[in-house]
PDB file of N, CA and C in Angstrom:
ATOM      1  N   MET A   1    -221.172-116.049 -13.296  1.00  0.00           N
ATOM      2  CA  MET A   1    -220.907-116.988 -12.233  1.00  0.00           C
ATOM      3  C   MET A   1    -219.395-117.187 -12.125  1.00  0.00           C
ATOM      4  N   ARG A   2    -218.881-117.078 -10.935  1.00  0.00           N
ATOM      5  CA  ARG A   2    -217.453-117.246 -10.712  1.00  0.00           C
ATOM      6  C   ARG A   2    -217.175-118.658 -10.215  1.00  0.00           C
ATOM      7  N   TYR A   3    -216.180-119.276 -10.799  1.00  0.00           N
ATOM      8  CA  TYR A   3    -215.821-120.632 -10.416  1.00  0.00           C
ATOM      9  C   TYR A   3    -214.677-120.662  -9.412  1.00  0.00           C
ATOM     10  N   LEU A   4    -214.025-119.531  -9.202  1.00  0.00           N
ATOM     11  CA  LEU A   4    -212.924-119.464  -8.265  1.00  0.00           C
ATOM     12  C   LEU A   4    -213.314-118.623  -7.060  1.00  0.00           C
ATOM     13  N   THR A   5    -212.894-119.072  -5.908  1.00  0.00           N
ATOM     14  CA  THR A   5    -213.107-118.259  -4.722  1.00  0.00           C
ATOM     15  C   THR A   5    -212.111-117.112  -4.739  1.00  0.00           C
ATOM     16  N   ASP A   6    -212.337-116.129  -3.906  1.00  0.00           N
ATOM     17  CA  ASP A   6    -211.425-114.994  -3.846  1.00  0.00           C
ATOM     18  C   ASP A   6    -210.021-115.436  -3.463  1.00  0.00           C
ATOM     19  N   ARG A   7    -209.936-116.382  -2.546  1.00  0.00           N
ATOM     20  CA  ARG A   7    -208.618-116.867  -2.114  1.00  0.00           C
ATOM     21  C   ARG A   7    -207.890-117.570  -3.251  1.00  0.00           C
ATOM     22  N   LYS A   8    -208.596-118.426  -3.987  1.00  0.00           N
ATOM     23  CA  LYS A   8    -207.962-119.134  -5.095  1.00  0.00           C
ATOM     24  C   LYS A   8    -207.554-118.167  -6.198  1.00  0.00           C
ATOM     25  N   ARG A   9    -208.352-117.159  -6.438  1.00  0.00           N
ATOM     26  CA  ARG A   9    -208.009-116.163  -7.440  1.00  0.00           C
ATOM     27  C   ARG A   9    -206.772-115.385  -7.015  1.00  0.00           C
ATOM     28  N   ALA A  10    -206.654-115.094  -5.723  1.00  0.00           N
ATOM     29  CA  ALA A  10    -205.508-114.339  -5.225  1.00  0.00           C
ATOM     30  C   ALA A  10    -204.227-115.159  -5.285  1.00  0.00           C
ATOM     31  N   THR A  11    -204.322-116.465  -5.029  1.00  0.00           N
ATOM     32  CA  THR A  11    -203.128-117.300  -5.050  1.00  0.00           C
ATOM     33  C   THR A  11    -202.868-117.884  -6.430  1.00  0.00           C
ATOM     34  N   GLY A  12    -203.784-117.676  -7.392  1.00  0.00           N
ATOM     35  CA  GLY A  12    -203.589-118.180  -8.744  1.00  0.00           C
ATOM     36  C   GLY A  12    -203.806-119.663  -8.875  1.00  0.00           C
ATOM     37  N   MET A  13    -204.608-120.242  -7.978  1.00  0.00           N
ATOM     38  CA  MET A  13    -204.826-121.680  -8.015  1.00  0.00           C
ATOM     39  C   MET A  13    -206.260-121.985  -8.395  1.00  0.00           C
ATOM     40  N   GLY A  14    -206.435-122.797  -9.428  1.00  0.00           N
ATOM     41  CA  GLY A  14    -207.759-123.230  -9.834  1.00  0.00           C
ATOM     42  C   GLY A  14    -208.104-124.558  -9.196  1.00  0.00           C
ATOM     43  N   SER A  15    -208.984-125.287  -9.849  1.00  0.00           N
ATOM     44  CA  SER A  15    -209.450-126.548  -9.289  1.00  0.00           C
ATOM     45  C   SER A  15    -208.359-127.625  -9.295  1.00  0.00           C
ATOM     46  N   ALA A  16    -207.396-127.507 -10.173  1.00  0.00           N
ATOM     47  CA  ALA A  16    -206.337-128.509 -10.245  1.00  0.00           C
ATOM     48  C   ALA A  16    -205.238-128.269  -9.215  1.00  0.00           C
ATOM     49  N   LYS A  17    -205.262-127.162  -8.512  1.00  0.00           N
ATOM     50  CA  LYS A  17    -204.303-126.802  -7.463  1.00  0.00           C
ATOM     51  C   LYS A  17    -202.879-126.588  -8.000  1.00  0.00           C
ATOM     52  N   THR A  18    -202.767-126.330  -9.295  1.00  0.00           N
ATOM     53  CA  THR A  18    -201.441-126.125  -9.853  1.00  0.00           C
ATOM     54  C   THR A  18    -201.225-124.690 -10.307  1.00  0.00           C
ATOM     55  N   GLY A  19    -202.269-123.915 -10.405  1.00  0.00           N
ATOM     56  CA  GLY A  19    -202.100-122.526 -10.809  1.00  0.00           C
ATOM     57  C   GLY A  19    -201.523-122.414 -12.198  1.00  0.00           C
ATOM     58  N   VAL A  20    -200.636-121.488 -12.387  1.00  0.00           N
ATOM     59  CA  VAL A  20    -200.076-121.221 -13.704  1.00  0.00           C
ATOM     60  C   VAL A  20    -198.615-121.666 -13.796  1.00  0.00           C
ATOM     61  N   HIS A  21    -198.199-122.549 -12.899  1.00  0.00           N
ATOM     62  CA  HIS A  21    -196.790-122.951 -12.839  1.00  0.00           C
ATOM     63  C   HIS A  21    -196.302-123.528 -14.167  1.00  0.00           C
ATOM     64  N   HIS A  22    -197.068-124.445 -14.760  1.00  0.00           N
ATOM     65  CA  HIS A  22    -196.653-125.083 -16.009  1.00  0.00           C
ATOM     66  C   HIS A  22    -196.530-124.042 -17.115  1.00  0.00           C
ATOM     67  N   PHE A  23    -197.507-123.162 -17.223  1.00  0.00           N
ATOM     68  CA  PHE A  23    -197.482-122.102 -18.233  1.00  0.00           C
ATOM     69  C   PHE A  23    -196.286-121.178 -18.011  1.00  0.00           C
ATOM     70  N   TRP A  24    -196.036-120.812 -16.762  1.00  0.00           N
ATOM     71  CA  TRP A  24    -194.928-119.909 -16.448  1.00  0.00           C
ATOM     72  C   TRP A  24    -193.586-120.561 -16.777  1.00  0.00           C
ATOM     73  N   MET A  25    -193.419-121.851 -16.480  1.00  0.00           N
ATOM     74  CA  MET A  25    -192.177-122.541 -16.790  1.00  0.00           C
ATOM     75  C   MET A  25    -191.938-122.607 -18.300  1.00  0.00           C
ATOM     76  N   MET A  26    -193.006-122.787 -19.067  1.00  0.00           N
ATOM     77  CA  MET A  26    -192.863-122.785 -20.527  1.00  0.00           C
ATOM     78  C   MET A  26    -192.376-121.431 -21.014  1.00  0.00           C
ATOM     79  N   LYS A  27    -192.881-120.367 -20.420  1.00  0.00           N
ATOM     80  CA  LYS A  27    -192.452-119.018 -20.818  1.00  0.00           C
ATOM     81  C   LYS A  27    -191.001-118.772 -20.434  1.00  0.00           C
ATOM     82  N   VAL A  28    -190.596-119.205 -19.259  1.00  0.00           N
ATOM     83  CA  VAL A  28    -189.203-119.033 -18.819  1.00  0.00           C
ATOM     84  C   VAL A  28    -188.272-119.830 -19.727  1.00  0.00           C
ATOM     85  N   GLN A  29    -188.652-121.056 -20.060  1.00  0.00           N
ATOM     86  CA  GLN A  29    -187.840-121.874 -20.955  1.00  0.00           C
ATOM     87  C   GLN A  29    -187.750-121.248 -22.340  1.00  0.00           C
ATOM     88  N   SER A  30    -188.836-120.635 -22.800  1.00  0.00           N
ATOM     89  CA  SER A  30    -188.818-119.975 -24.106  1.00  0.00           C
ATOM     90  C   SER A  30    -187.824-118.826 -24.124  1.00  0.00           C
ATOM     91  N   VAL A  31    -187.806-118.037 -23.073  1.00  0.00           N
ATOM     92  CA  VAL A  31    -186.861-116.923 -23.002  1.00  0.00           C
ATOM     93  C   VAL A  31    -185.428-117.445 -22.937  1.00  0.00           C
ATOM     94  N   ALA A  32    -185.218-118.510 -22.171  1.00  0.00           N
ATOM     95  CA  ALA A  32    -183.880-119.104 -22.098  1.00  0.00           C
ATOM     96  C   ALA A  32    -183.441-119.614 -23.472  1.00  0.00           C
ATOM     97  N   LEU A  33    -184.369-120.220 -24.211  1.00  0.00           N
ATOM     98  CA  LEU A  33    -184.026-120.712 -25.539  1.00  0.00           C
ATOM     99  C   LEU A  33    -183.792-119.570 -26.527  1.00  0.00           C
ATOM    100  N   LEU A  34    -184.455-118.434 -26.310  1.00  0.00           N
ATOM    101  CA  LEU A  34    -184.187-117.264 -27.148  1.00  0.00           C
ATOM    102  C   LEU A  34    -182.734-116.826 -27.045  1.00  0.00           C
ATOM    103  N   ILE A  35    -182.155-117.003 -25.892  1.00  0.00           N
ATOM    104  CA  ILE A  35    -180.751-116.643 -25.677  1.00  0.00           C
ATOM    105  C   ILE A  35    -179.832-117.788 -26.099  1.00  0.00           C
ATOM    106  N   LEU A  36    -180.201-119.025 -25.742  1.00  0.00           N
ATOM    107  CA  LEU A  36    -179.322-120.167 -25.974  1.00  0.00           C
ATOM    108  C   LEU A  36    -179.219-120.583 -27.441  1.00  0.00           C
ATOM    109  N   MET A  37    -180.307-120.508 -28.190  1.00  0.00           N
ATOM    110  CA  MET A  37    -180.262-120.982 -29.576  1.00  0.00           C
ATOM    111  C   MET A  37    -179.294-120.187 -30.448  1.00  0.00           C
ATOM    112  N   PRO A  38    -179.308-118.847 -30.416  1.00  0.00           N
ATOM    113  CA  PRO A  38    -178.286-118.138 -31.207  1.00  0.00           C
ATOM    114  C   PRO A  38    -176.864-118.451 -30.731  1.00  0.00           C
ATOM    115  N   LEU A  39    -176.680-118.556 -29.409  1.00  0.00           N
ATOM    116  CA  LEU A  39    -175.352-118.925 -28.904  1.00  0.00           C
ATOM    117  C   LEU A  39    -174.934-120.302 -29.416  1.00  0.00           C
ATOM    118  N   PHE A  40    -175.866-121.242 -29.402  1.00  0.00           N
ATOM    119  CA  PHE A  40    -175.575-122.591 -29.884  1.00  0.00           C
ATOM    120  C   PHE A  40    -175.236-122.571 -31.372  1.00  0.00           C
ATOM    121  N   ILE A  41    -176.001-121.816 -32.146  1.00  0.00           N
ATOM    122  CA  ILE A  41    -175.754-121.743 -33.586  1.00  0.00           C
ATOM    123  C   ILE A  41    -174.393-121.116 -33.876  1.00  0.00           C
ATOM    124  N   PHE A  42    -174.065-120.054 -33.145  1.00  0.00           N
ATOM    125  CA  PHE A  42    -172.779-119.389 -33.386  1.00  0.00           C
ATOM    126  C   PHE A  42    -171.584-120.184 -32.854  1.00  0.00           C
ATOM    127  N   THR A  43    -171.803-121.057 -31.866  1.00  0.00           N
ATOM    128  CA  THR A  43    -170.690-121.892 -31.389  1.00  0.00           C
ATOM    129  C   THR A  43    -170.591-123.191 -32.187  1.00  0.00           C
ATOM    130  N   PHE A  44    -171.717-123.728 -32.612  1.00  0.00           N
ATOM    131  CA  PHE A  44    -171.718-125.001 -33.332  1.00  0.00           C
ATOM    132  C   PHE A  44    -171.476-124.798 -34.826  1.00  0.00           C
ATOM    133  N   GLY A  45    -171.988-123.726 -35.386  1.00  0.00           N
ATOM    134  CA  GLY A  45    -171.917-123.476 -36.820  1.00  0.00           C
ATOM    135  C   GLY A  45    -170.532-123.484 -37.416  1.00  0.00           C
ATOM    136  N   PRO A  46    -169.555-122.801 -36.805  1.00  0.00           N
ATOM    137  CA  PRO A  46    -168.215-122.789 -37.406  1.00  0.00           C
ATOM    138  C   PRO A  46    -167.551-124.165 -37.478  1.00  0.00           C
ATOM    139  N   MET A  47    -168.047-125.112 -36.723  1.00  0.00           N
ATOM    140  CA  MET A  47    -167.431-126.440 -36.709  1.00  0.00           C
ATOM    141  C   MET A  47    -168.004-127.378 -37.765  1.00  0.00           C
ATOM    142  N   LEU A  48    -169.044-126.960 -38.443  1.00  0.00           N
ATOM    143  CA  LEU A  48    -169.613-127.805 -39.496  1.00  0.00           C
ATOM    144  C   LEU A  48    -168.611-127.975 -40.630  1.00  0.00           C
ATOM    145  N   GLY A  49    -168.341-129.199 -40.987  1.00  0.00           N
ATOM    146  CA  GLY A  49    -167.422-129.496 -42.069  1.00  0.00           C
ATOM    147  C   GLY A  49    -165.959-129.542 -41.666  1.00  0.00           C
ATOM    148  N   GLU A  50    -165.659-129.301 -40.412  1.00  0.00           N
ATOM    149  CA  GLU A  50    -164.264-129.341 -39.945  1.00  0.00           C
ATOM    150  C   GLU A  50    -163.842-130.779 -39.662  1.00  0.00           C
ATOM    151  N   ASP A  51    -162.553-130.970 -39.504  1.00  0.00           N
ATOM    152  CA  ASP A  51    -162.029-132.294 -39.177  1.00  0.00           C
ATOM    153  C   ASP A  51    -162.480-132.717 -37.782  1.00  0.00           C
ATOM    154  N   TYR A  52    -162.495-134.028 -37.576  1.00  0.00           N
ATOM    155  CA  TYR A  52    -162.921-134.601 -36.298  1.00  0.00           C
ATOM    156  C   TYR A  52    -162.077-134.084 -35.139  1.00  0.00           C
ATOM    157  N   SER A  53    -160.788-134.019 -35.330  1.00  0.00           N
ATOM    158  CA  SER A  53    -159.897-133.575 -34.246  1.00  0.00           C
ATOM    159  C   SER A  53    -160.117-132.101 -33.901  1.00  0.00           C
ATOM    160  N   GLU A  54    -160.387-131.272 -34.911  1.00  0.00           N
ATOM    161  CA  GLU A  54    -160.661-129.855 -34.650  1.00  0.00           C
ATOM    162  C   GLU A  54    -161.954-129.676 -33.863  1.00  0.00           C
ATOM    163  N   VAL A  55    -162.966-130.464 -34.194  1.00  0.00           N
ATOM    164  CA  VAL A  55    -164.245-130.389 -33.482  1.00  0.00           C
ATOM    165  C   VAL A  55    -164.061-130.821 -32.031  1.00  0.00           C
ATOM    166  N   LEU A  56    -163.300-131.888 -31.822  1.00  0.00           N
ATOM    167  CA  LEU A  56    -163.045-132.349 -30.454  1.00  0.00           C
ATOM    168  C   LEU A  56    -162.286-131.292 -29.658  1.00  0.00           C
ATOM    169  N   ASP A  57    -161.288-130.674 -30.268  1.00  0.00           N
ATOM    170  CA  ASP A  57    -160.532-129.624 -29.583  1.00  0.00           C
ATOM    171  C   ASP A  57    -161.410-128.428 -29.257  1.00  0.00           C
ATOM    172  N   TYR A  58    -162.294-128.074 -30.179  1.00  0.00           N
ATOM    173  CA  TYR A  58    -163.171-126.909 -29.976  1.00  0.00           C
ATOM    174  C   TYR A  58    -164.162-127.142 -28.838  1.00  0.00           C
ATOM    175  N   PHE A  59    -164.813-128.312 -28.847  1.00  0.00           N
ATOM    176  CA  PHE A  59    -165.804-128.593 -27.806  1.00  0.00           C
ATOM    177  C   PHE A  59    -165.174-129.048 -26.496  1.00  0.00           C
ATOM    178  N   ALA A  60    -163.863-129.195 -26.465  1.00  0.00           N
ATOM    179  CA  ALA A  60    -163.176-129.453 -25.196  1.00  0.00           C
ATOM    180  C   ALA A  60    -163.026-128.160 -24.394  1.00  0.00           C
ATOM    181  N   GLN A  61    -163.247-127.022 -25.059  1.00  0.00           N
ATOM    182  CA  GLN A  61    -163.230-125.736 -24.354  1.00  0.00           C
ATOM    183  C   GLN A  61    -164.508-125.596 -23.542  1.00  0.00           C
ATOM    184  N   PRO A  62    -164.464-124.881 -22.422  1.00  0.00           N
ATOM    185  CA  PRO A  62    -165.634-124.814 -21.545  1.00  0.00           C
ATOM    186  C   PRO A  62    -166.854-124.117 -22.150  1.00  0.00           C
ATOM    187  N   PHE A  63    -166.668-122.973 -22.809  1.00  0.00           N
ATOM    188  CA  PHE A  63    -167.824-122.203 -23.275  1.00  0.00           C
ATOM    189  C   PHE A  63    -168.690-122.966 -24.278  1.00  0.00           C
ATOM    190  N   PRO A  64    -168.131-123.517 -25.361  1.00  0.00           N
ATOM    191  CA  PRO A  64    -168.988-124.262 -26.290  1.00  0.00           C
ATOM    192  C   PRO A  64    -169.649-125.483 -25.648  1.00  0.00           C
ATOM    193  N   ALA A  65    -168.934-126.153 -24.753  1.00  0.00           N
ATOM    194  CA  ALA A  65    -169.515-127.332 -24.100  1.00  0.00           C
ATOM    195  C   ALA A  65    -170.677-126.947 -23.189  1.00  0.00           C
ATOM    196  N   ILE A  66    -170.511-125.860 -22.449  1.00  0.00           N
ATOM    197  CA  ILE A  66    -171.584-125.417 -21.546  1.00  0.00           C
ATOM    198  C   ILE A  66    -172.791-124.939 -22.335  1.00  0.00           C
ATOM    199  N   VAL A  67    -172.563-124.194 -23.402  1.00  0.00           N
ATOM    200  CA  VAL A  67    -173.681-123.716 -24.229  1.00  0.00           C
ATOM    201  C   VAL A  67    -174.440-124.900 -24.826  1.00  0.00           C
ATOM    202  N   ALA A  68    -173.720-125.884 -25.344  1.00  0.00           N
ATOM    203  CA  ALA A  68    -174.374-127.058 -25.924  1.00  0.00           C
ATOM    204  C   ALA A  68    -175.153-127.838 -24.866  1.00  0.00           C
ATOM    205  N   ALA A  69    -174.572-128.016 -23.690  1.00  0.00           N
ATOM    206  CA  ALA A  69    -175.252-128.756 -22.620  1.00  0.00           C
ATOM    207  C   ALA A  69    -176.507-128.026 -22.157  1.00  0.00           C
ATOM    208  N   LEU A  70    -176.404-126.722 -21.948  1.00  0.00           N
ATOM    209  CA  LEU A  70    -177.585-125.949 -21.528  1.00  0.00           C
ATOM    210  C   LEU A  70    -178.676-125.973 -22.594  1.00  0.00           C
ATOM    211  N   THR A  71    -178.275-125.904 -23.855  1.00  0.00           N
ATOM    212  CA  THR A  71    -179.259-125.952 -24.935  1.00  0.00           C
ATOM    213  C   THR A  71    -179.967-127.294 -24.956  1.00  0.00           C
ATOM    214  N   PHE A  72    -179.219-128.381 -24.756  1.00  0.00           N
ATOM    215  CA  PHE A  72    -179.852-129.701 -24.703  1.00  0.00           C
ATOM    216  C   PHE A  72    -180.839-129.803 -23.552  1.00  0.00           C
ATOM    217  N   VAL A  73    -180.419-129.407 -22.372  1.00  0.00           N
ATOM    218  CA  VAL A  73    -181.263-129.562 -21.184  1.00  0.00           C
ATOM    219  C   VAL A  73    -182.530-128.712 -21.306  1.00  0.00           C
ATOM    220  N   VAL A  74    -182.374-127.436 -21.606  1.00  0.00           N
ATOM    221  CA  VAL A  74    -183.535-126.549 -21.677  1.00  0.00           C
ATOM    222  C   VAL A  74    -184.416-126.918 -22.868  1.00  0.00           C
ATOM    223  N   GLY A  75    -183.804-127.255 -23.992  1.00  0.00           N
ATOM    224  CA  GLY A  75    -184.582-127.625 -25.175  1.00  0.00           C
ATOM    225  C   GLY A  75    -185.408-128.878 -24.963  1.00  0.00           C
ATOM    226  N   PHE A  76    -184.800-129.902 -24.382  1.00  0.00           N
ATOM    227  CA  PHE A  76    -185.547-131.136 -24.143  1.00  0.00           C
ATOM    228  C   PHE A  76    -186.611-130.952 -23.065  1.00  0.00           C
ATOM    229  N   LYS A  77    -186.330-130.163 -22.045  1.00  0.00           N
ATOM    230  CA  LYS A  77    -187.344-129.911 -21.010  1.00  0.00           C
ATOM    231  C   LYS A  77    -188.518-129.138 -21.609  1.00  0.00           C
ATOM    232  N   HIS A  78    -188.230-128.182 -22.465  1.00  0.00           N
ATOM    233  CA  HIS A  78    -189.286-127.424 -23.139  1.00  0.00           C
ATOM    234  C   HIS A  78    -190.107-128.359 -24.039  1.00  0.00           C
ATOM    235  N   PHE A  79    -189.431-129.287 -24.698  1.00  0.00           N
ATOM    236  CA  PHE A  79    -190.129-130.260 -25.537  1.00  0.00           C
ATOM    237  C   PHE A  79    -191.064-131.135 -24.711  1.00  0.00           C
ATOM    238  N   ILE A  80    -190.568-131.629 -23.570  1.00  0.00           N
ATOM    239  CA  ILE A  80    -191.408-132.478 -22.715  1.00  0.00           C
ATOM    240  C   ILE A  80    -192.654-131.723 -22.273  1.00  0.00           C
ATOM    241  N   ASP A  81    -192.477-130.485 -21.800  1.00  0.00           N
ATOM    242  CA  ASP A  81    -193.621-129.721 -21.306  1.00  0.00           C
ATOM    243  C   ASP A  81    -194.625-129.420 -22.413  1.00  0.00           C
ATOM    244  N   GLY A  82    -194.140-129.060 -23.591  1.00  0.00           N
ATOM    245  CA  GLY A  82    -195.046-128.771 -24.708  1.00  0.00           C
ATOM    246  C   GLY A  82    -195.773-130.003 -25.191  1.00  0.00           C
ATOM    247  N   ALA A  83    -195.052-131.105 -25.324  1.00  0.00           N
ATOM    248  CA  ALA A  83    -195.689-132.347 -25.762  1.00  0.00           C
ATOM    249  C   ALA A  83    -196.673-132.865 -24.719  1.00  0.00           C
ATOM    250  N   GLN A  84    -196.385-132.629 -23.446  1.00  0.00           N
ATOM    251  CA  GLN A  84    -197.308-133.044 -22.389  1.00  0.00           C
ATOM    252  C   GLN A  84    -198.639-132.319 -22.527  1.00  0.00           C
ATOM    253  N   VAL A  85    -198.600-131.030 -22.811  1.00  0.00           N
ATOM    254  CA  VAL A  85    -199.835-130.261 -22.997  1.00  0.00           C
ATOM    255  C   VAL A  85    -200.615-130.807 -24.187  1.00  0.00           C
ATOM    256  N   MET A  86    -199.920-131.100 -25.280  1.00  0.00           N
ATOM    257  CA  MET A  86    -200.581-131.629 -26.467  1.00  0.00           C
ATOM    258  C   MET A  86    -201.213-132.988 -26.173  1.00  0.00           C
ATOM    259  N   ILE A  87    -200.479-133.851 -25.480  1.00  0.00           N
ATOM    260  CA  ILE A  87    -200.998-135.185 -25.163  1.00  0.00           C
ATOM    261  C   ILE A  87    -202.200-135.080 -24.228  1.00  0.00           C
ATOM    262  N   GLU A  88    -202.120-134.206 -23.230  1.00  0.00           N
ATOM    263  CA  GLU A  88    -203.244-134.039 -22.304  1.00  0.00           C
ATOM    264  C   GLU A  88    -204.490-133.501 -23.006  1.00  0.00           C
ATOM    265  N   ASP A  89    -204.304-132.728 -24.071  1.00  0.00           N
ATOM    266  CA  ASP A  89    -205.442-132.186 -24.798  1.00  0.00           C
ATOM    267  C   ASP A  89    -206.103-133.202 -25.714  1.00  0.00           C
ATOM    268  N   TYR A  90    -205.324-134.098 -26.323  1.00  0.00           N
ATOM    269  CA  TYR A  90    -205.858-134.939 -27.387  1.00  0.00           C
ATOM    270  C   TYR A  90    -205.921-136.425 -27.080  1.00  0.00           C
ATOM    271  N   ILE A  91    -205.274-136.891 -26.048  1.00  0.00           N
ATOM    272  CA  ILE A  91    -205.314-138.318 -25.698  1.00  0.00           C
ATOM    273  C   ILE A  91    -205.870-138.431 -24.287  1.00  0.00           C
ATOM    274  N   HIS A  92    -206.747-139.410 -24.072  1.00  0.00           N
ATOM    275  CA  HIS A  92    -207.392-139.538 -22.765  1.00  0.00           C
ATOM    276  C   HIS A  92    -207.321-140.974 -22.267  1.00  0.00           C
ATOM    277  N   GLY A  93    -207.507-141.119 -20.953  1.00  0.00           N
ATOM    278  CA  GLY A  93    -207.555-142.432 -20.330  1.00  0.00           C
ATOM    279  C   GLY A  93    -206.183-143.057 -20.152  1.00  0.00           C
ATOM    280  N   THR A  94    -206.157-144.373 -20.270  1.00  0.00           N
ATOM    281  CA  THR A  94    -204.922-145.122 -20.062  1.00  0.00           C
ATOM    282  C   THR A  94    -203.885-144.811 -21.132  1.00  0.00           C
ATOM    283  N   LYS A  95    -204.352-144.569 -22.374  1.00  0.00           N
ATOM    284  CA  LYS A  95    -203.423-144.212 -23.448  1.00  0.00           C
ATOM    285  C   LYS A  95    -202.640-142.954 -23.096  1.00  0.00           C
ATOM    286  N   GLN A  96    -203.312-142.019 -22.453  1.00  0.00           N
ATOM    287  CA  GLN A  96    -202.652-140.764 -22.065  1.00  0.00           C
ATOM    288  C   GLN A  96    -201.516-141.037 -21.086  1.00  0.00           C
ATOM    289  N   LYS A  97    -201.779-141.846 -20.081  1.00  0.00           N
ATOM    290  CA  LYS A  97    -200.758-142.143 -19.078  1.00  0.00           C
ATOM    291  C   LYS A  97    -199.569-142.876 -19.690  1.00  0.00           C
ATOM    292  N   ILE A  98    -199.847-143.857 -20.529  1.00  0.00           N
ATOM    293  CA  ILE A  98    -198.774-144.623 -21.164  1.00  0.00           C
ATOM    294  C   ILE A  98    -197.954-143.721 -22.082  1.00  0.00           C
ATOM    295  N   THR A  99    -198.637-142.879 -22.851  1.00  0.00           N
ATOM    296  CA  THR A  99    -197.935-141.976 -23.769  1.00  0.00           C
ATOM    297  C   THR A  99    -197.061-140.990 -23.006  1.00  0.00           C
ATOM    298  N   LEU A 100    -197.567-140.453 -21.904  1.00  0.00           N
ATOM    299  CA  LEU A 100    -196.771-139.520 -21.106  1.00  0.00           C
ATOM    300  C   LEU A 100    -195.544-140.198 -20.500  1.00  0.00           C
ATOM    301  N   ILE A 101    -195.699-141.418 -20.046  1.00  0.00           N
ATOM    302  CA  ILE A 101    -194.562-142.156 -19.482  1.00  0.00           C
ATOM    303  C   ILE A 101    -193.522-142.426 -20.561  1.00  0.00           C
ATOM    304  N   LEU A 102    -193.959-142.884 -21.743  1.00  0.00           N
ATOM    305  CA  LEU A 102    -193.023-143.146 -22.836  1.00  0.00           C
ATOM    306  C   LEU A 102    -192.329-141.869 -23.299  1.00  0.00           C
ATOM    307  N   LEU A 103    -193.094-140.798 -23.409  1.00  0.00           N
ATOM    308  CA  LEU A 103    -192.526-139.511 -23.811  1.00  0.00           C
ATOM    309  C   LEU A 103    -191.446-139.067 -22.835  1.00  0.00           C
ATOM    310  N   THR A 104    -191.747-139.150 -21.551  1.00  0.00           N
ATOM    311  CA  THR A 104    -190.801-138.715 -20.535  1.00  0.00           C
ATOM    312  C   THR A 104    -189.542-139.577 -20.557  1.00  0.00           C
ATOM    313  N   CYS A 105    -189.712-140.885 -20.640  1.00  0.00           N
ATOM    314  CA  CYS A 105    -188.548-141.784 -20.648  1.00  0.00           C
ATOM    315  C   CYS A 105    -187.670-141.556 -21.873  1.00  0.00           C
ATOM    316  N   LEU A 106    -188.272-141.467 -23.043  1.00  0.00           N
ATOM    317  CA  LEU A 106    -187.493-141.289 -24.269  1.00  0.00           C
ATOM    318  C   LEU A 106    -186.799-139.938 -24.310  1.00  0.00           C
ATOM    319  N   THR A 107    -187.479-138.899 -23.851  1.00  0.00           N
ATOM    320  CA  THR A 107    -186.878-137.563 -23.895  1.00  0.00           C
ATOM    321  C   THR A 107    -185.739-137.437 -22.902  1.00  0.00           C
ATOM    322  N   TYR A 108    -185.913-137.953 -21.692  1.00  0.00           N
ATOM    323  CA  TYR A 108    -184.811-137.910 -20.734  1.00  0.00           C
ATOM    324  C   TYR A 108    -183.650-138.794 -21.177  1.00  0.00           C
ATOM    325  N   ALA A 109    -183.936-139.890 -21.873  1.00  0.00           N
ATOM    326  CA  ALA A 109    -182.863-140.732 -22.405  1.00  0.00           C
ATOM    327  C   ALA A 109    -182.083-139.977 -23.480  1.00  0.00           C
ATOM    328  N   ALA A 110    -182.785-139.259 -24.340  1.00  0.00           N
ATOM    329  CA  ALA A 110    -182.110-138.465 -25.372  1.00  0.00           C
ATOM    330  C   ALA A 110    -181.288-137.340 -24.738  1.00  0.00           C
ATOM    331  N   MET A 111    -181.845-136.708 -23.708  1.00  0.00           N
ATOM    332  CA  MET A 111    -181.120-135.647 -23.008  1.00  0.00           C
ATOM    333  C   MET A 111    -179.853-136.203 -22.358  1.00  0.00           C
ATOM    334  N   ALA A 112    -179.967-137.337 -21.707  1.00  0.00           N
ATOM    335  CA  ALA A 112    -178.809-137.948 -21.049  1.00  0.00           C
ATOM    336  C   ALA A 112    -177.755-138.369 -22.070  1.00  0.00           C
ATOM    337  N   THR A 113    -178.190-138.861 -23.216  1.00  0.00           N
ATOM    338  CA  THR A 113    -177.249-139.251 -24.265  1.00  0.00           C
ATOM    339  C   THR A 113    -176.475-138.038 -24.778  1.00  0.00           C
ATOM    340  N   GLY A 114    -177.182-136.939 -25.007  1.00  0.00           N
ATOM    341  CA  GLY A 114    -176.522-135.718 -25.455  1.00  0.00           C
ATOM    342  C   GLY A 114    -175.546-135.181 -24.427  1.00  0.00           C
ATOM    343  N   LEU A 115    -175.952-135.175 -23.158  1.00  0.00           N
ATOM    344  CA  LEU A 115    -175.064-134.704 -22.105  1.00  0.00           C
ATOM    345  C   LEU A 115    -173.853-135.609 -21.937  1.00  0.00           C
ATOM    346  N   PHE A 116    -174.059-136.909 -22.077  1.00  0.00           N
ATOM    347  CA  PHE A 116    -172.937-137.848 -21.983  1.00  0.00           C
ATOM    348  C   PHE A 116    -171.939-137.603 -23.108  1.00  0.00           C
ATOM    349  N   ALA A 117    -172.458-137.365 -24.316  1.00  0.00           N
ATOM    350  CA  ALA A 117    -171.571-137.116 -25.456  1.00  0.00           C
ATOM    351  C   ALA A 117    -170.769-135.844 -25.257  1.00  0.00           C
ATOM    352  N   ILE A 118    -171.423-134.787 -24.766  1.00  0.00           N
ATOM    353  CA  ILE A 118    -170.719-133.532 -24.521  1.00  0.00           C
ATOM    354  C   ILE A 118    -169.691-133.704 -23.405  1.00  0.00           C
ATOM    355  N   ALA A 119    -170.065-134.408 -22.337  1.00  0.00           N
ATOM    356  CA  ALA A 119    -169.127-134.629 -21.239  1.00  0.00           C
ATOM    357  C   ALA A 119    -167.925-135.452 -21.690  1.00  0.00           C
ATOM    358  N   LYS A 120    -168.185-136.445 -22.537  1.00  0.00           N
ATOM    359  CA  LYS A 120    -167.086-137.280 -23.021  1.00  0.00           C
ATOM    360  C   LYS A 120    -166.119-136.470 -23.879  1.00  0.00           C
ATOM    361  N   ILE A 121    -166.656-135.564 -24.676  1.00  0.00           N
ATOM    362  CA  ILE A 121    -165.799-134.708 -25.509  1.00  0.00           C
ATOM    363  C   ILE A 121    -165.061-133.693 -24.636  1.00  0.00           C
ATOM    364  N   ALA A 122    -165.772-133.075 -23.694  1.00  0.00           N
ATOM    365  CA  ALA A 122    -165.200-131.975 -22.922  1.00  0.00           C
ATOM    366  C   ALA A 122    -164.205-132.439 -21.864  1.00  0.00           C
ATOM    367  N   LEU A 123    -164.354-133.645 -21.382  1.00  0.00           N
ATOM    368  CA  LEU A 123    -163.459-134.090 -20.304  1.00  0.00           C
ATOM    369  C   LEU A 123    -162.345-134.935 -20.789  1.00  0.00           C
TER     370      LEU A 123
END
């Protein structure tokens, strides 16, 4: 028995009308993080244990600041999407809605804090 019509199967849309967009975005973010994480480690790693002024001078350069900002944005967005799937699978009803709202607010607040810190150092 088929649950999808031919049209829905062709457009990739099931009963929720969202298709595979969420899954595809998680895959794109994963590939982006595959590139960004080594860049972040190689730009951030040499500064571990250095003086405060040296770290500020280093992250005032465009490349390390951009890599750190992109890593924060993509990493936190990937976290939100992954945690949303987990919450939707295991929490139901009103608790689910409240948890998703809190998750989104806290994660975007952390992302904004990280971006503000990088902008303050870089500018």
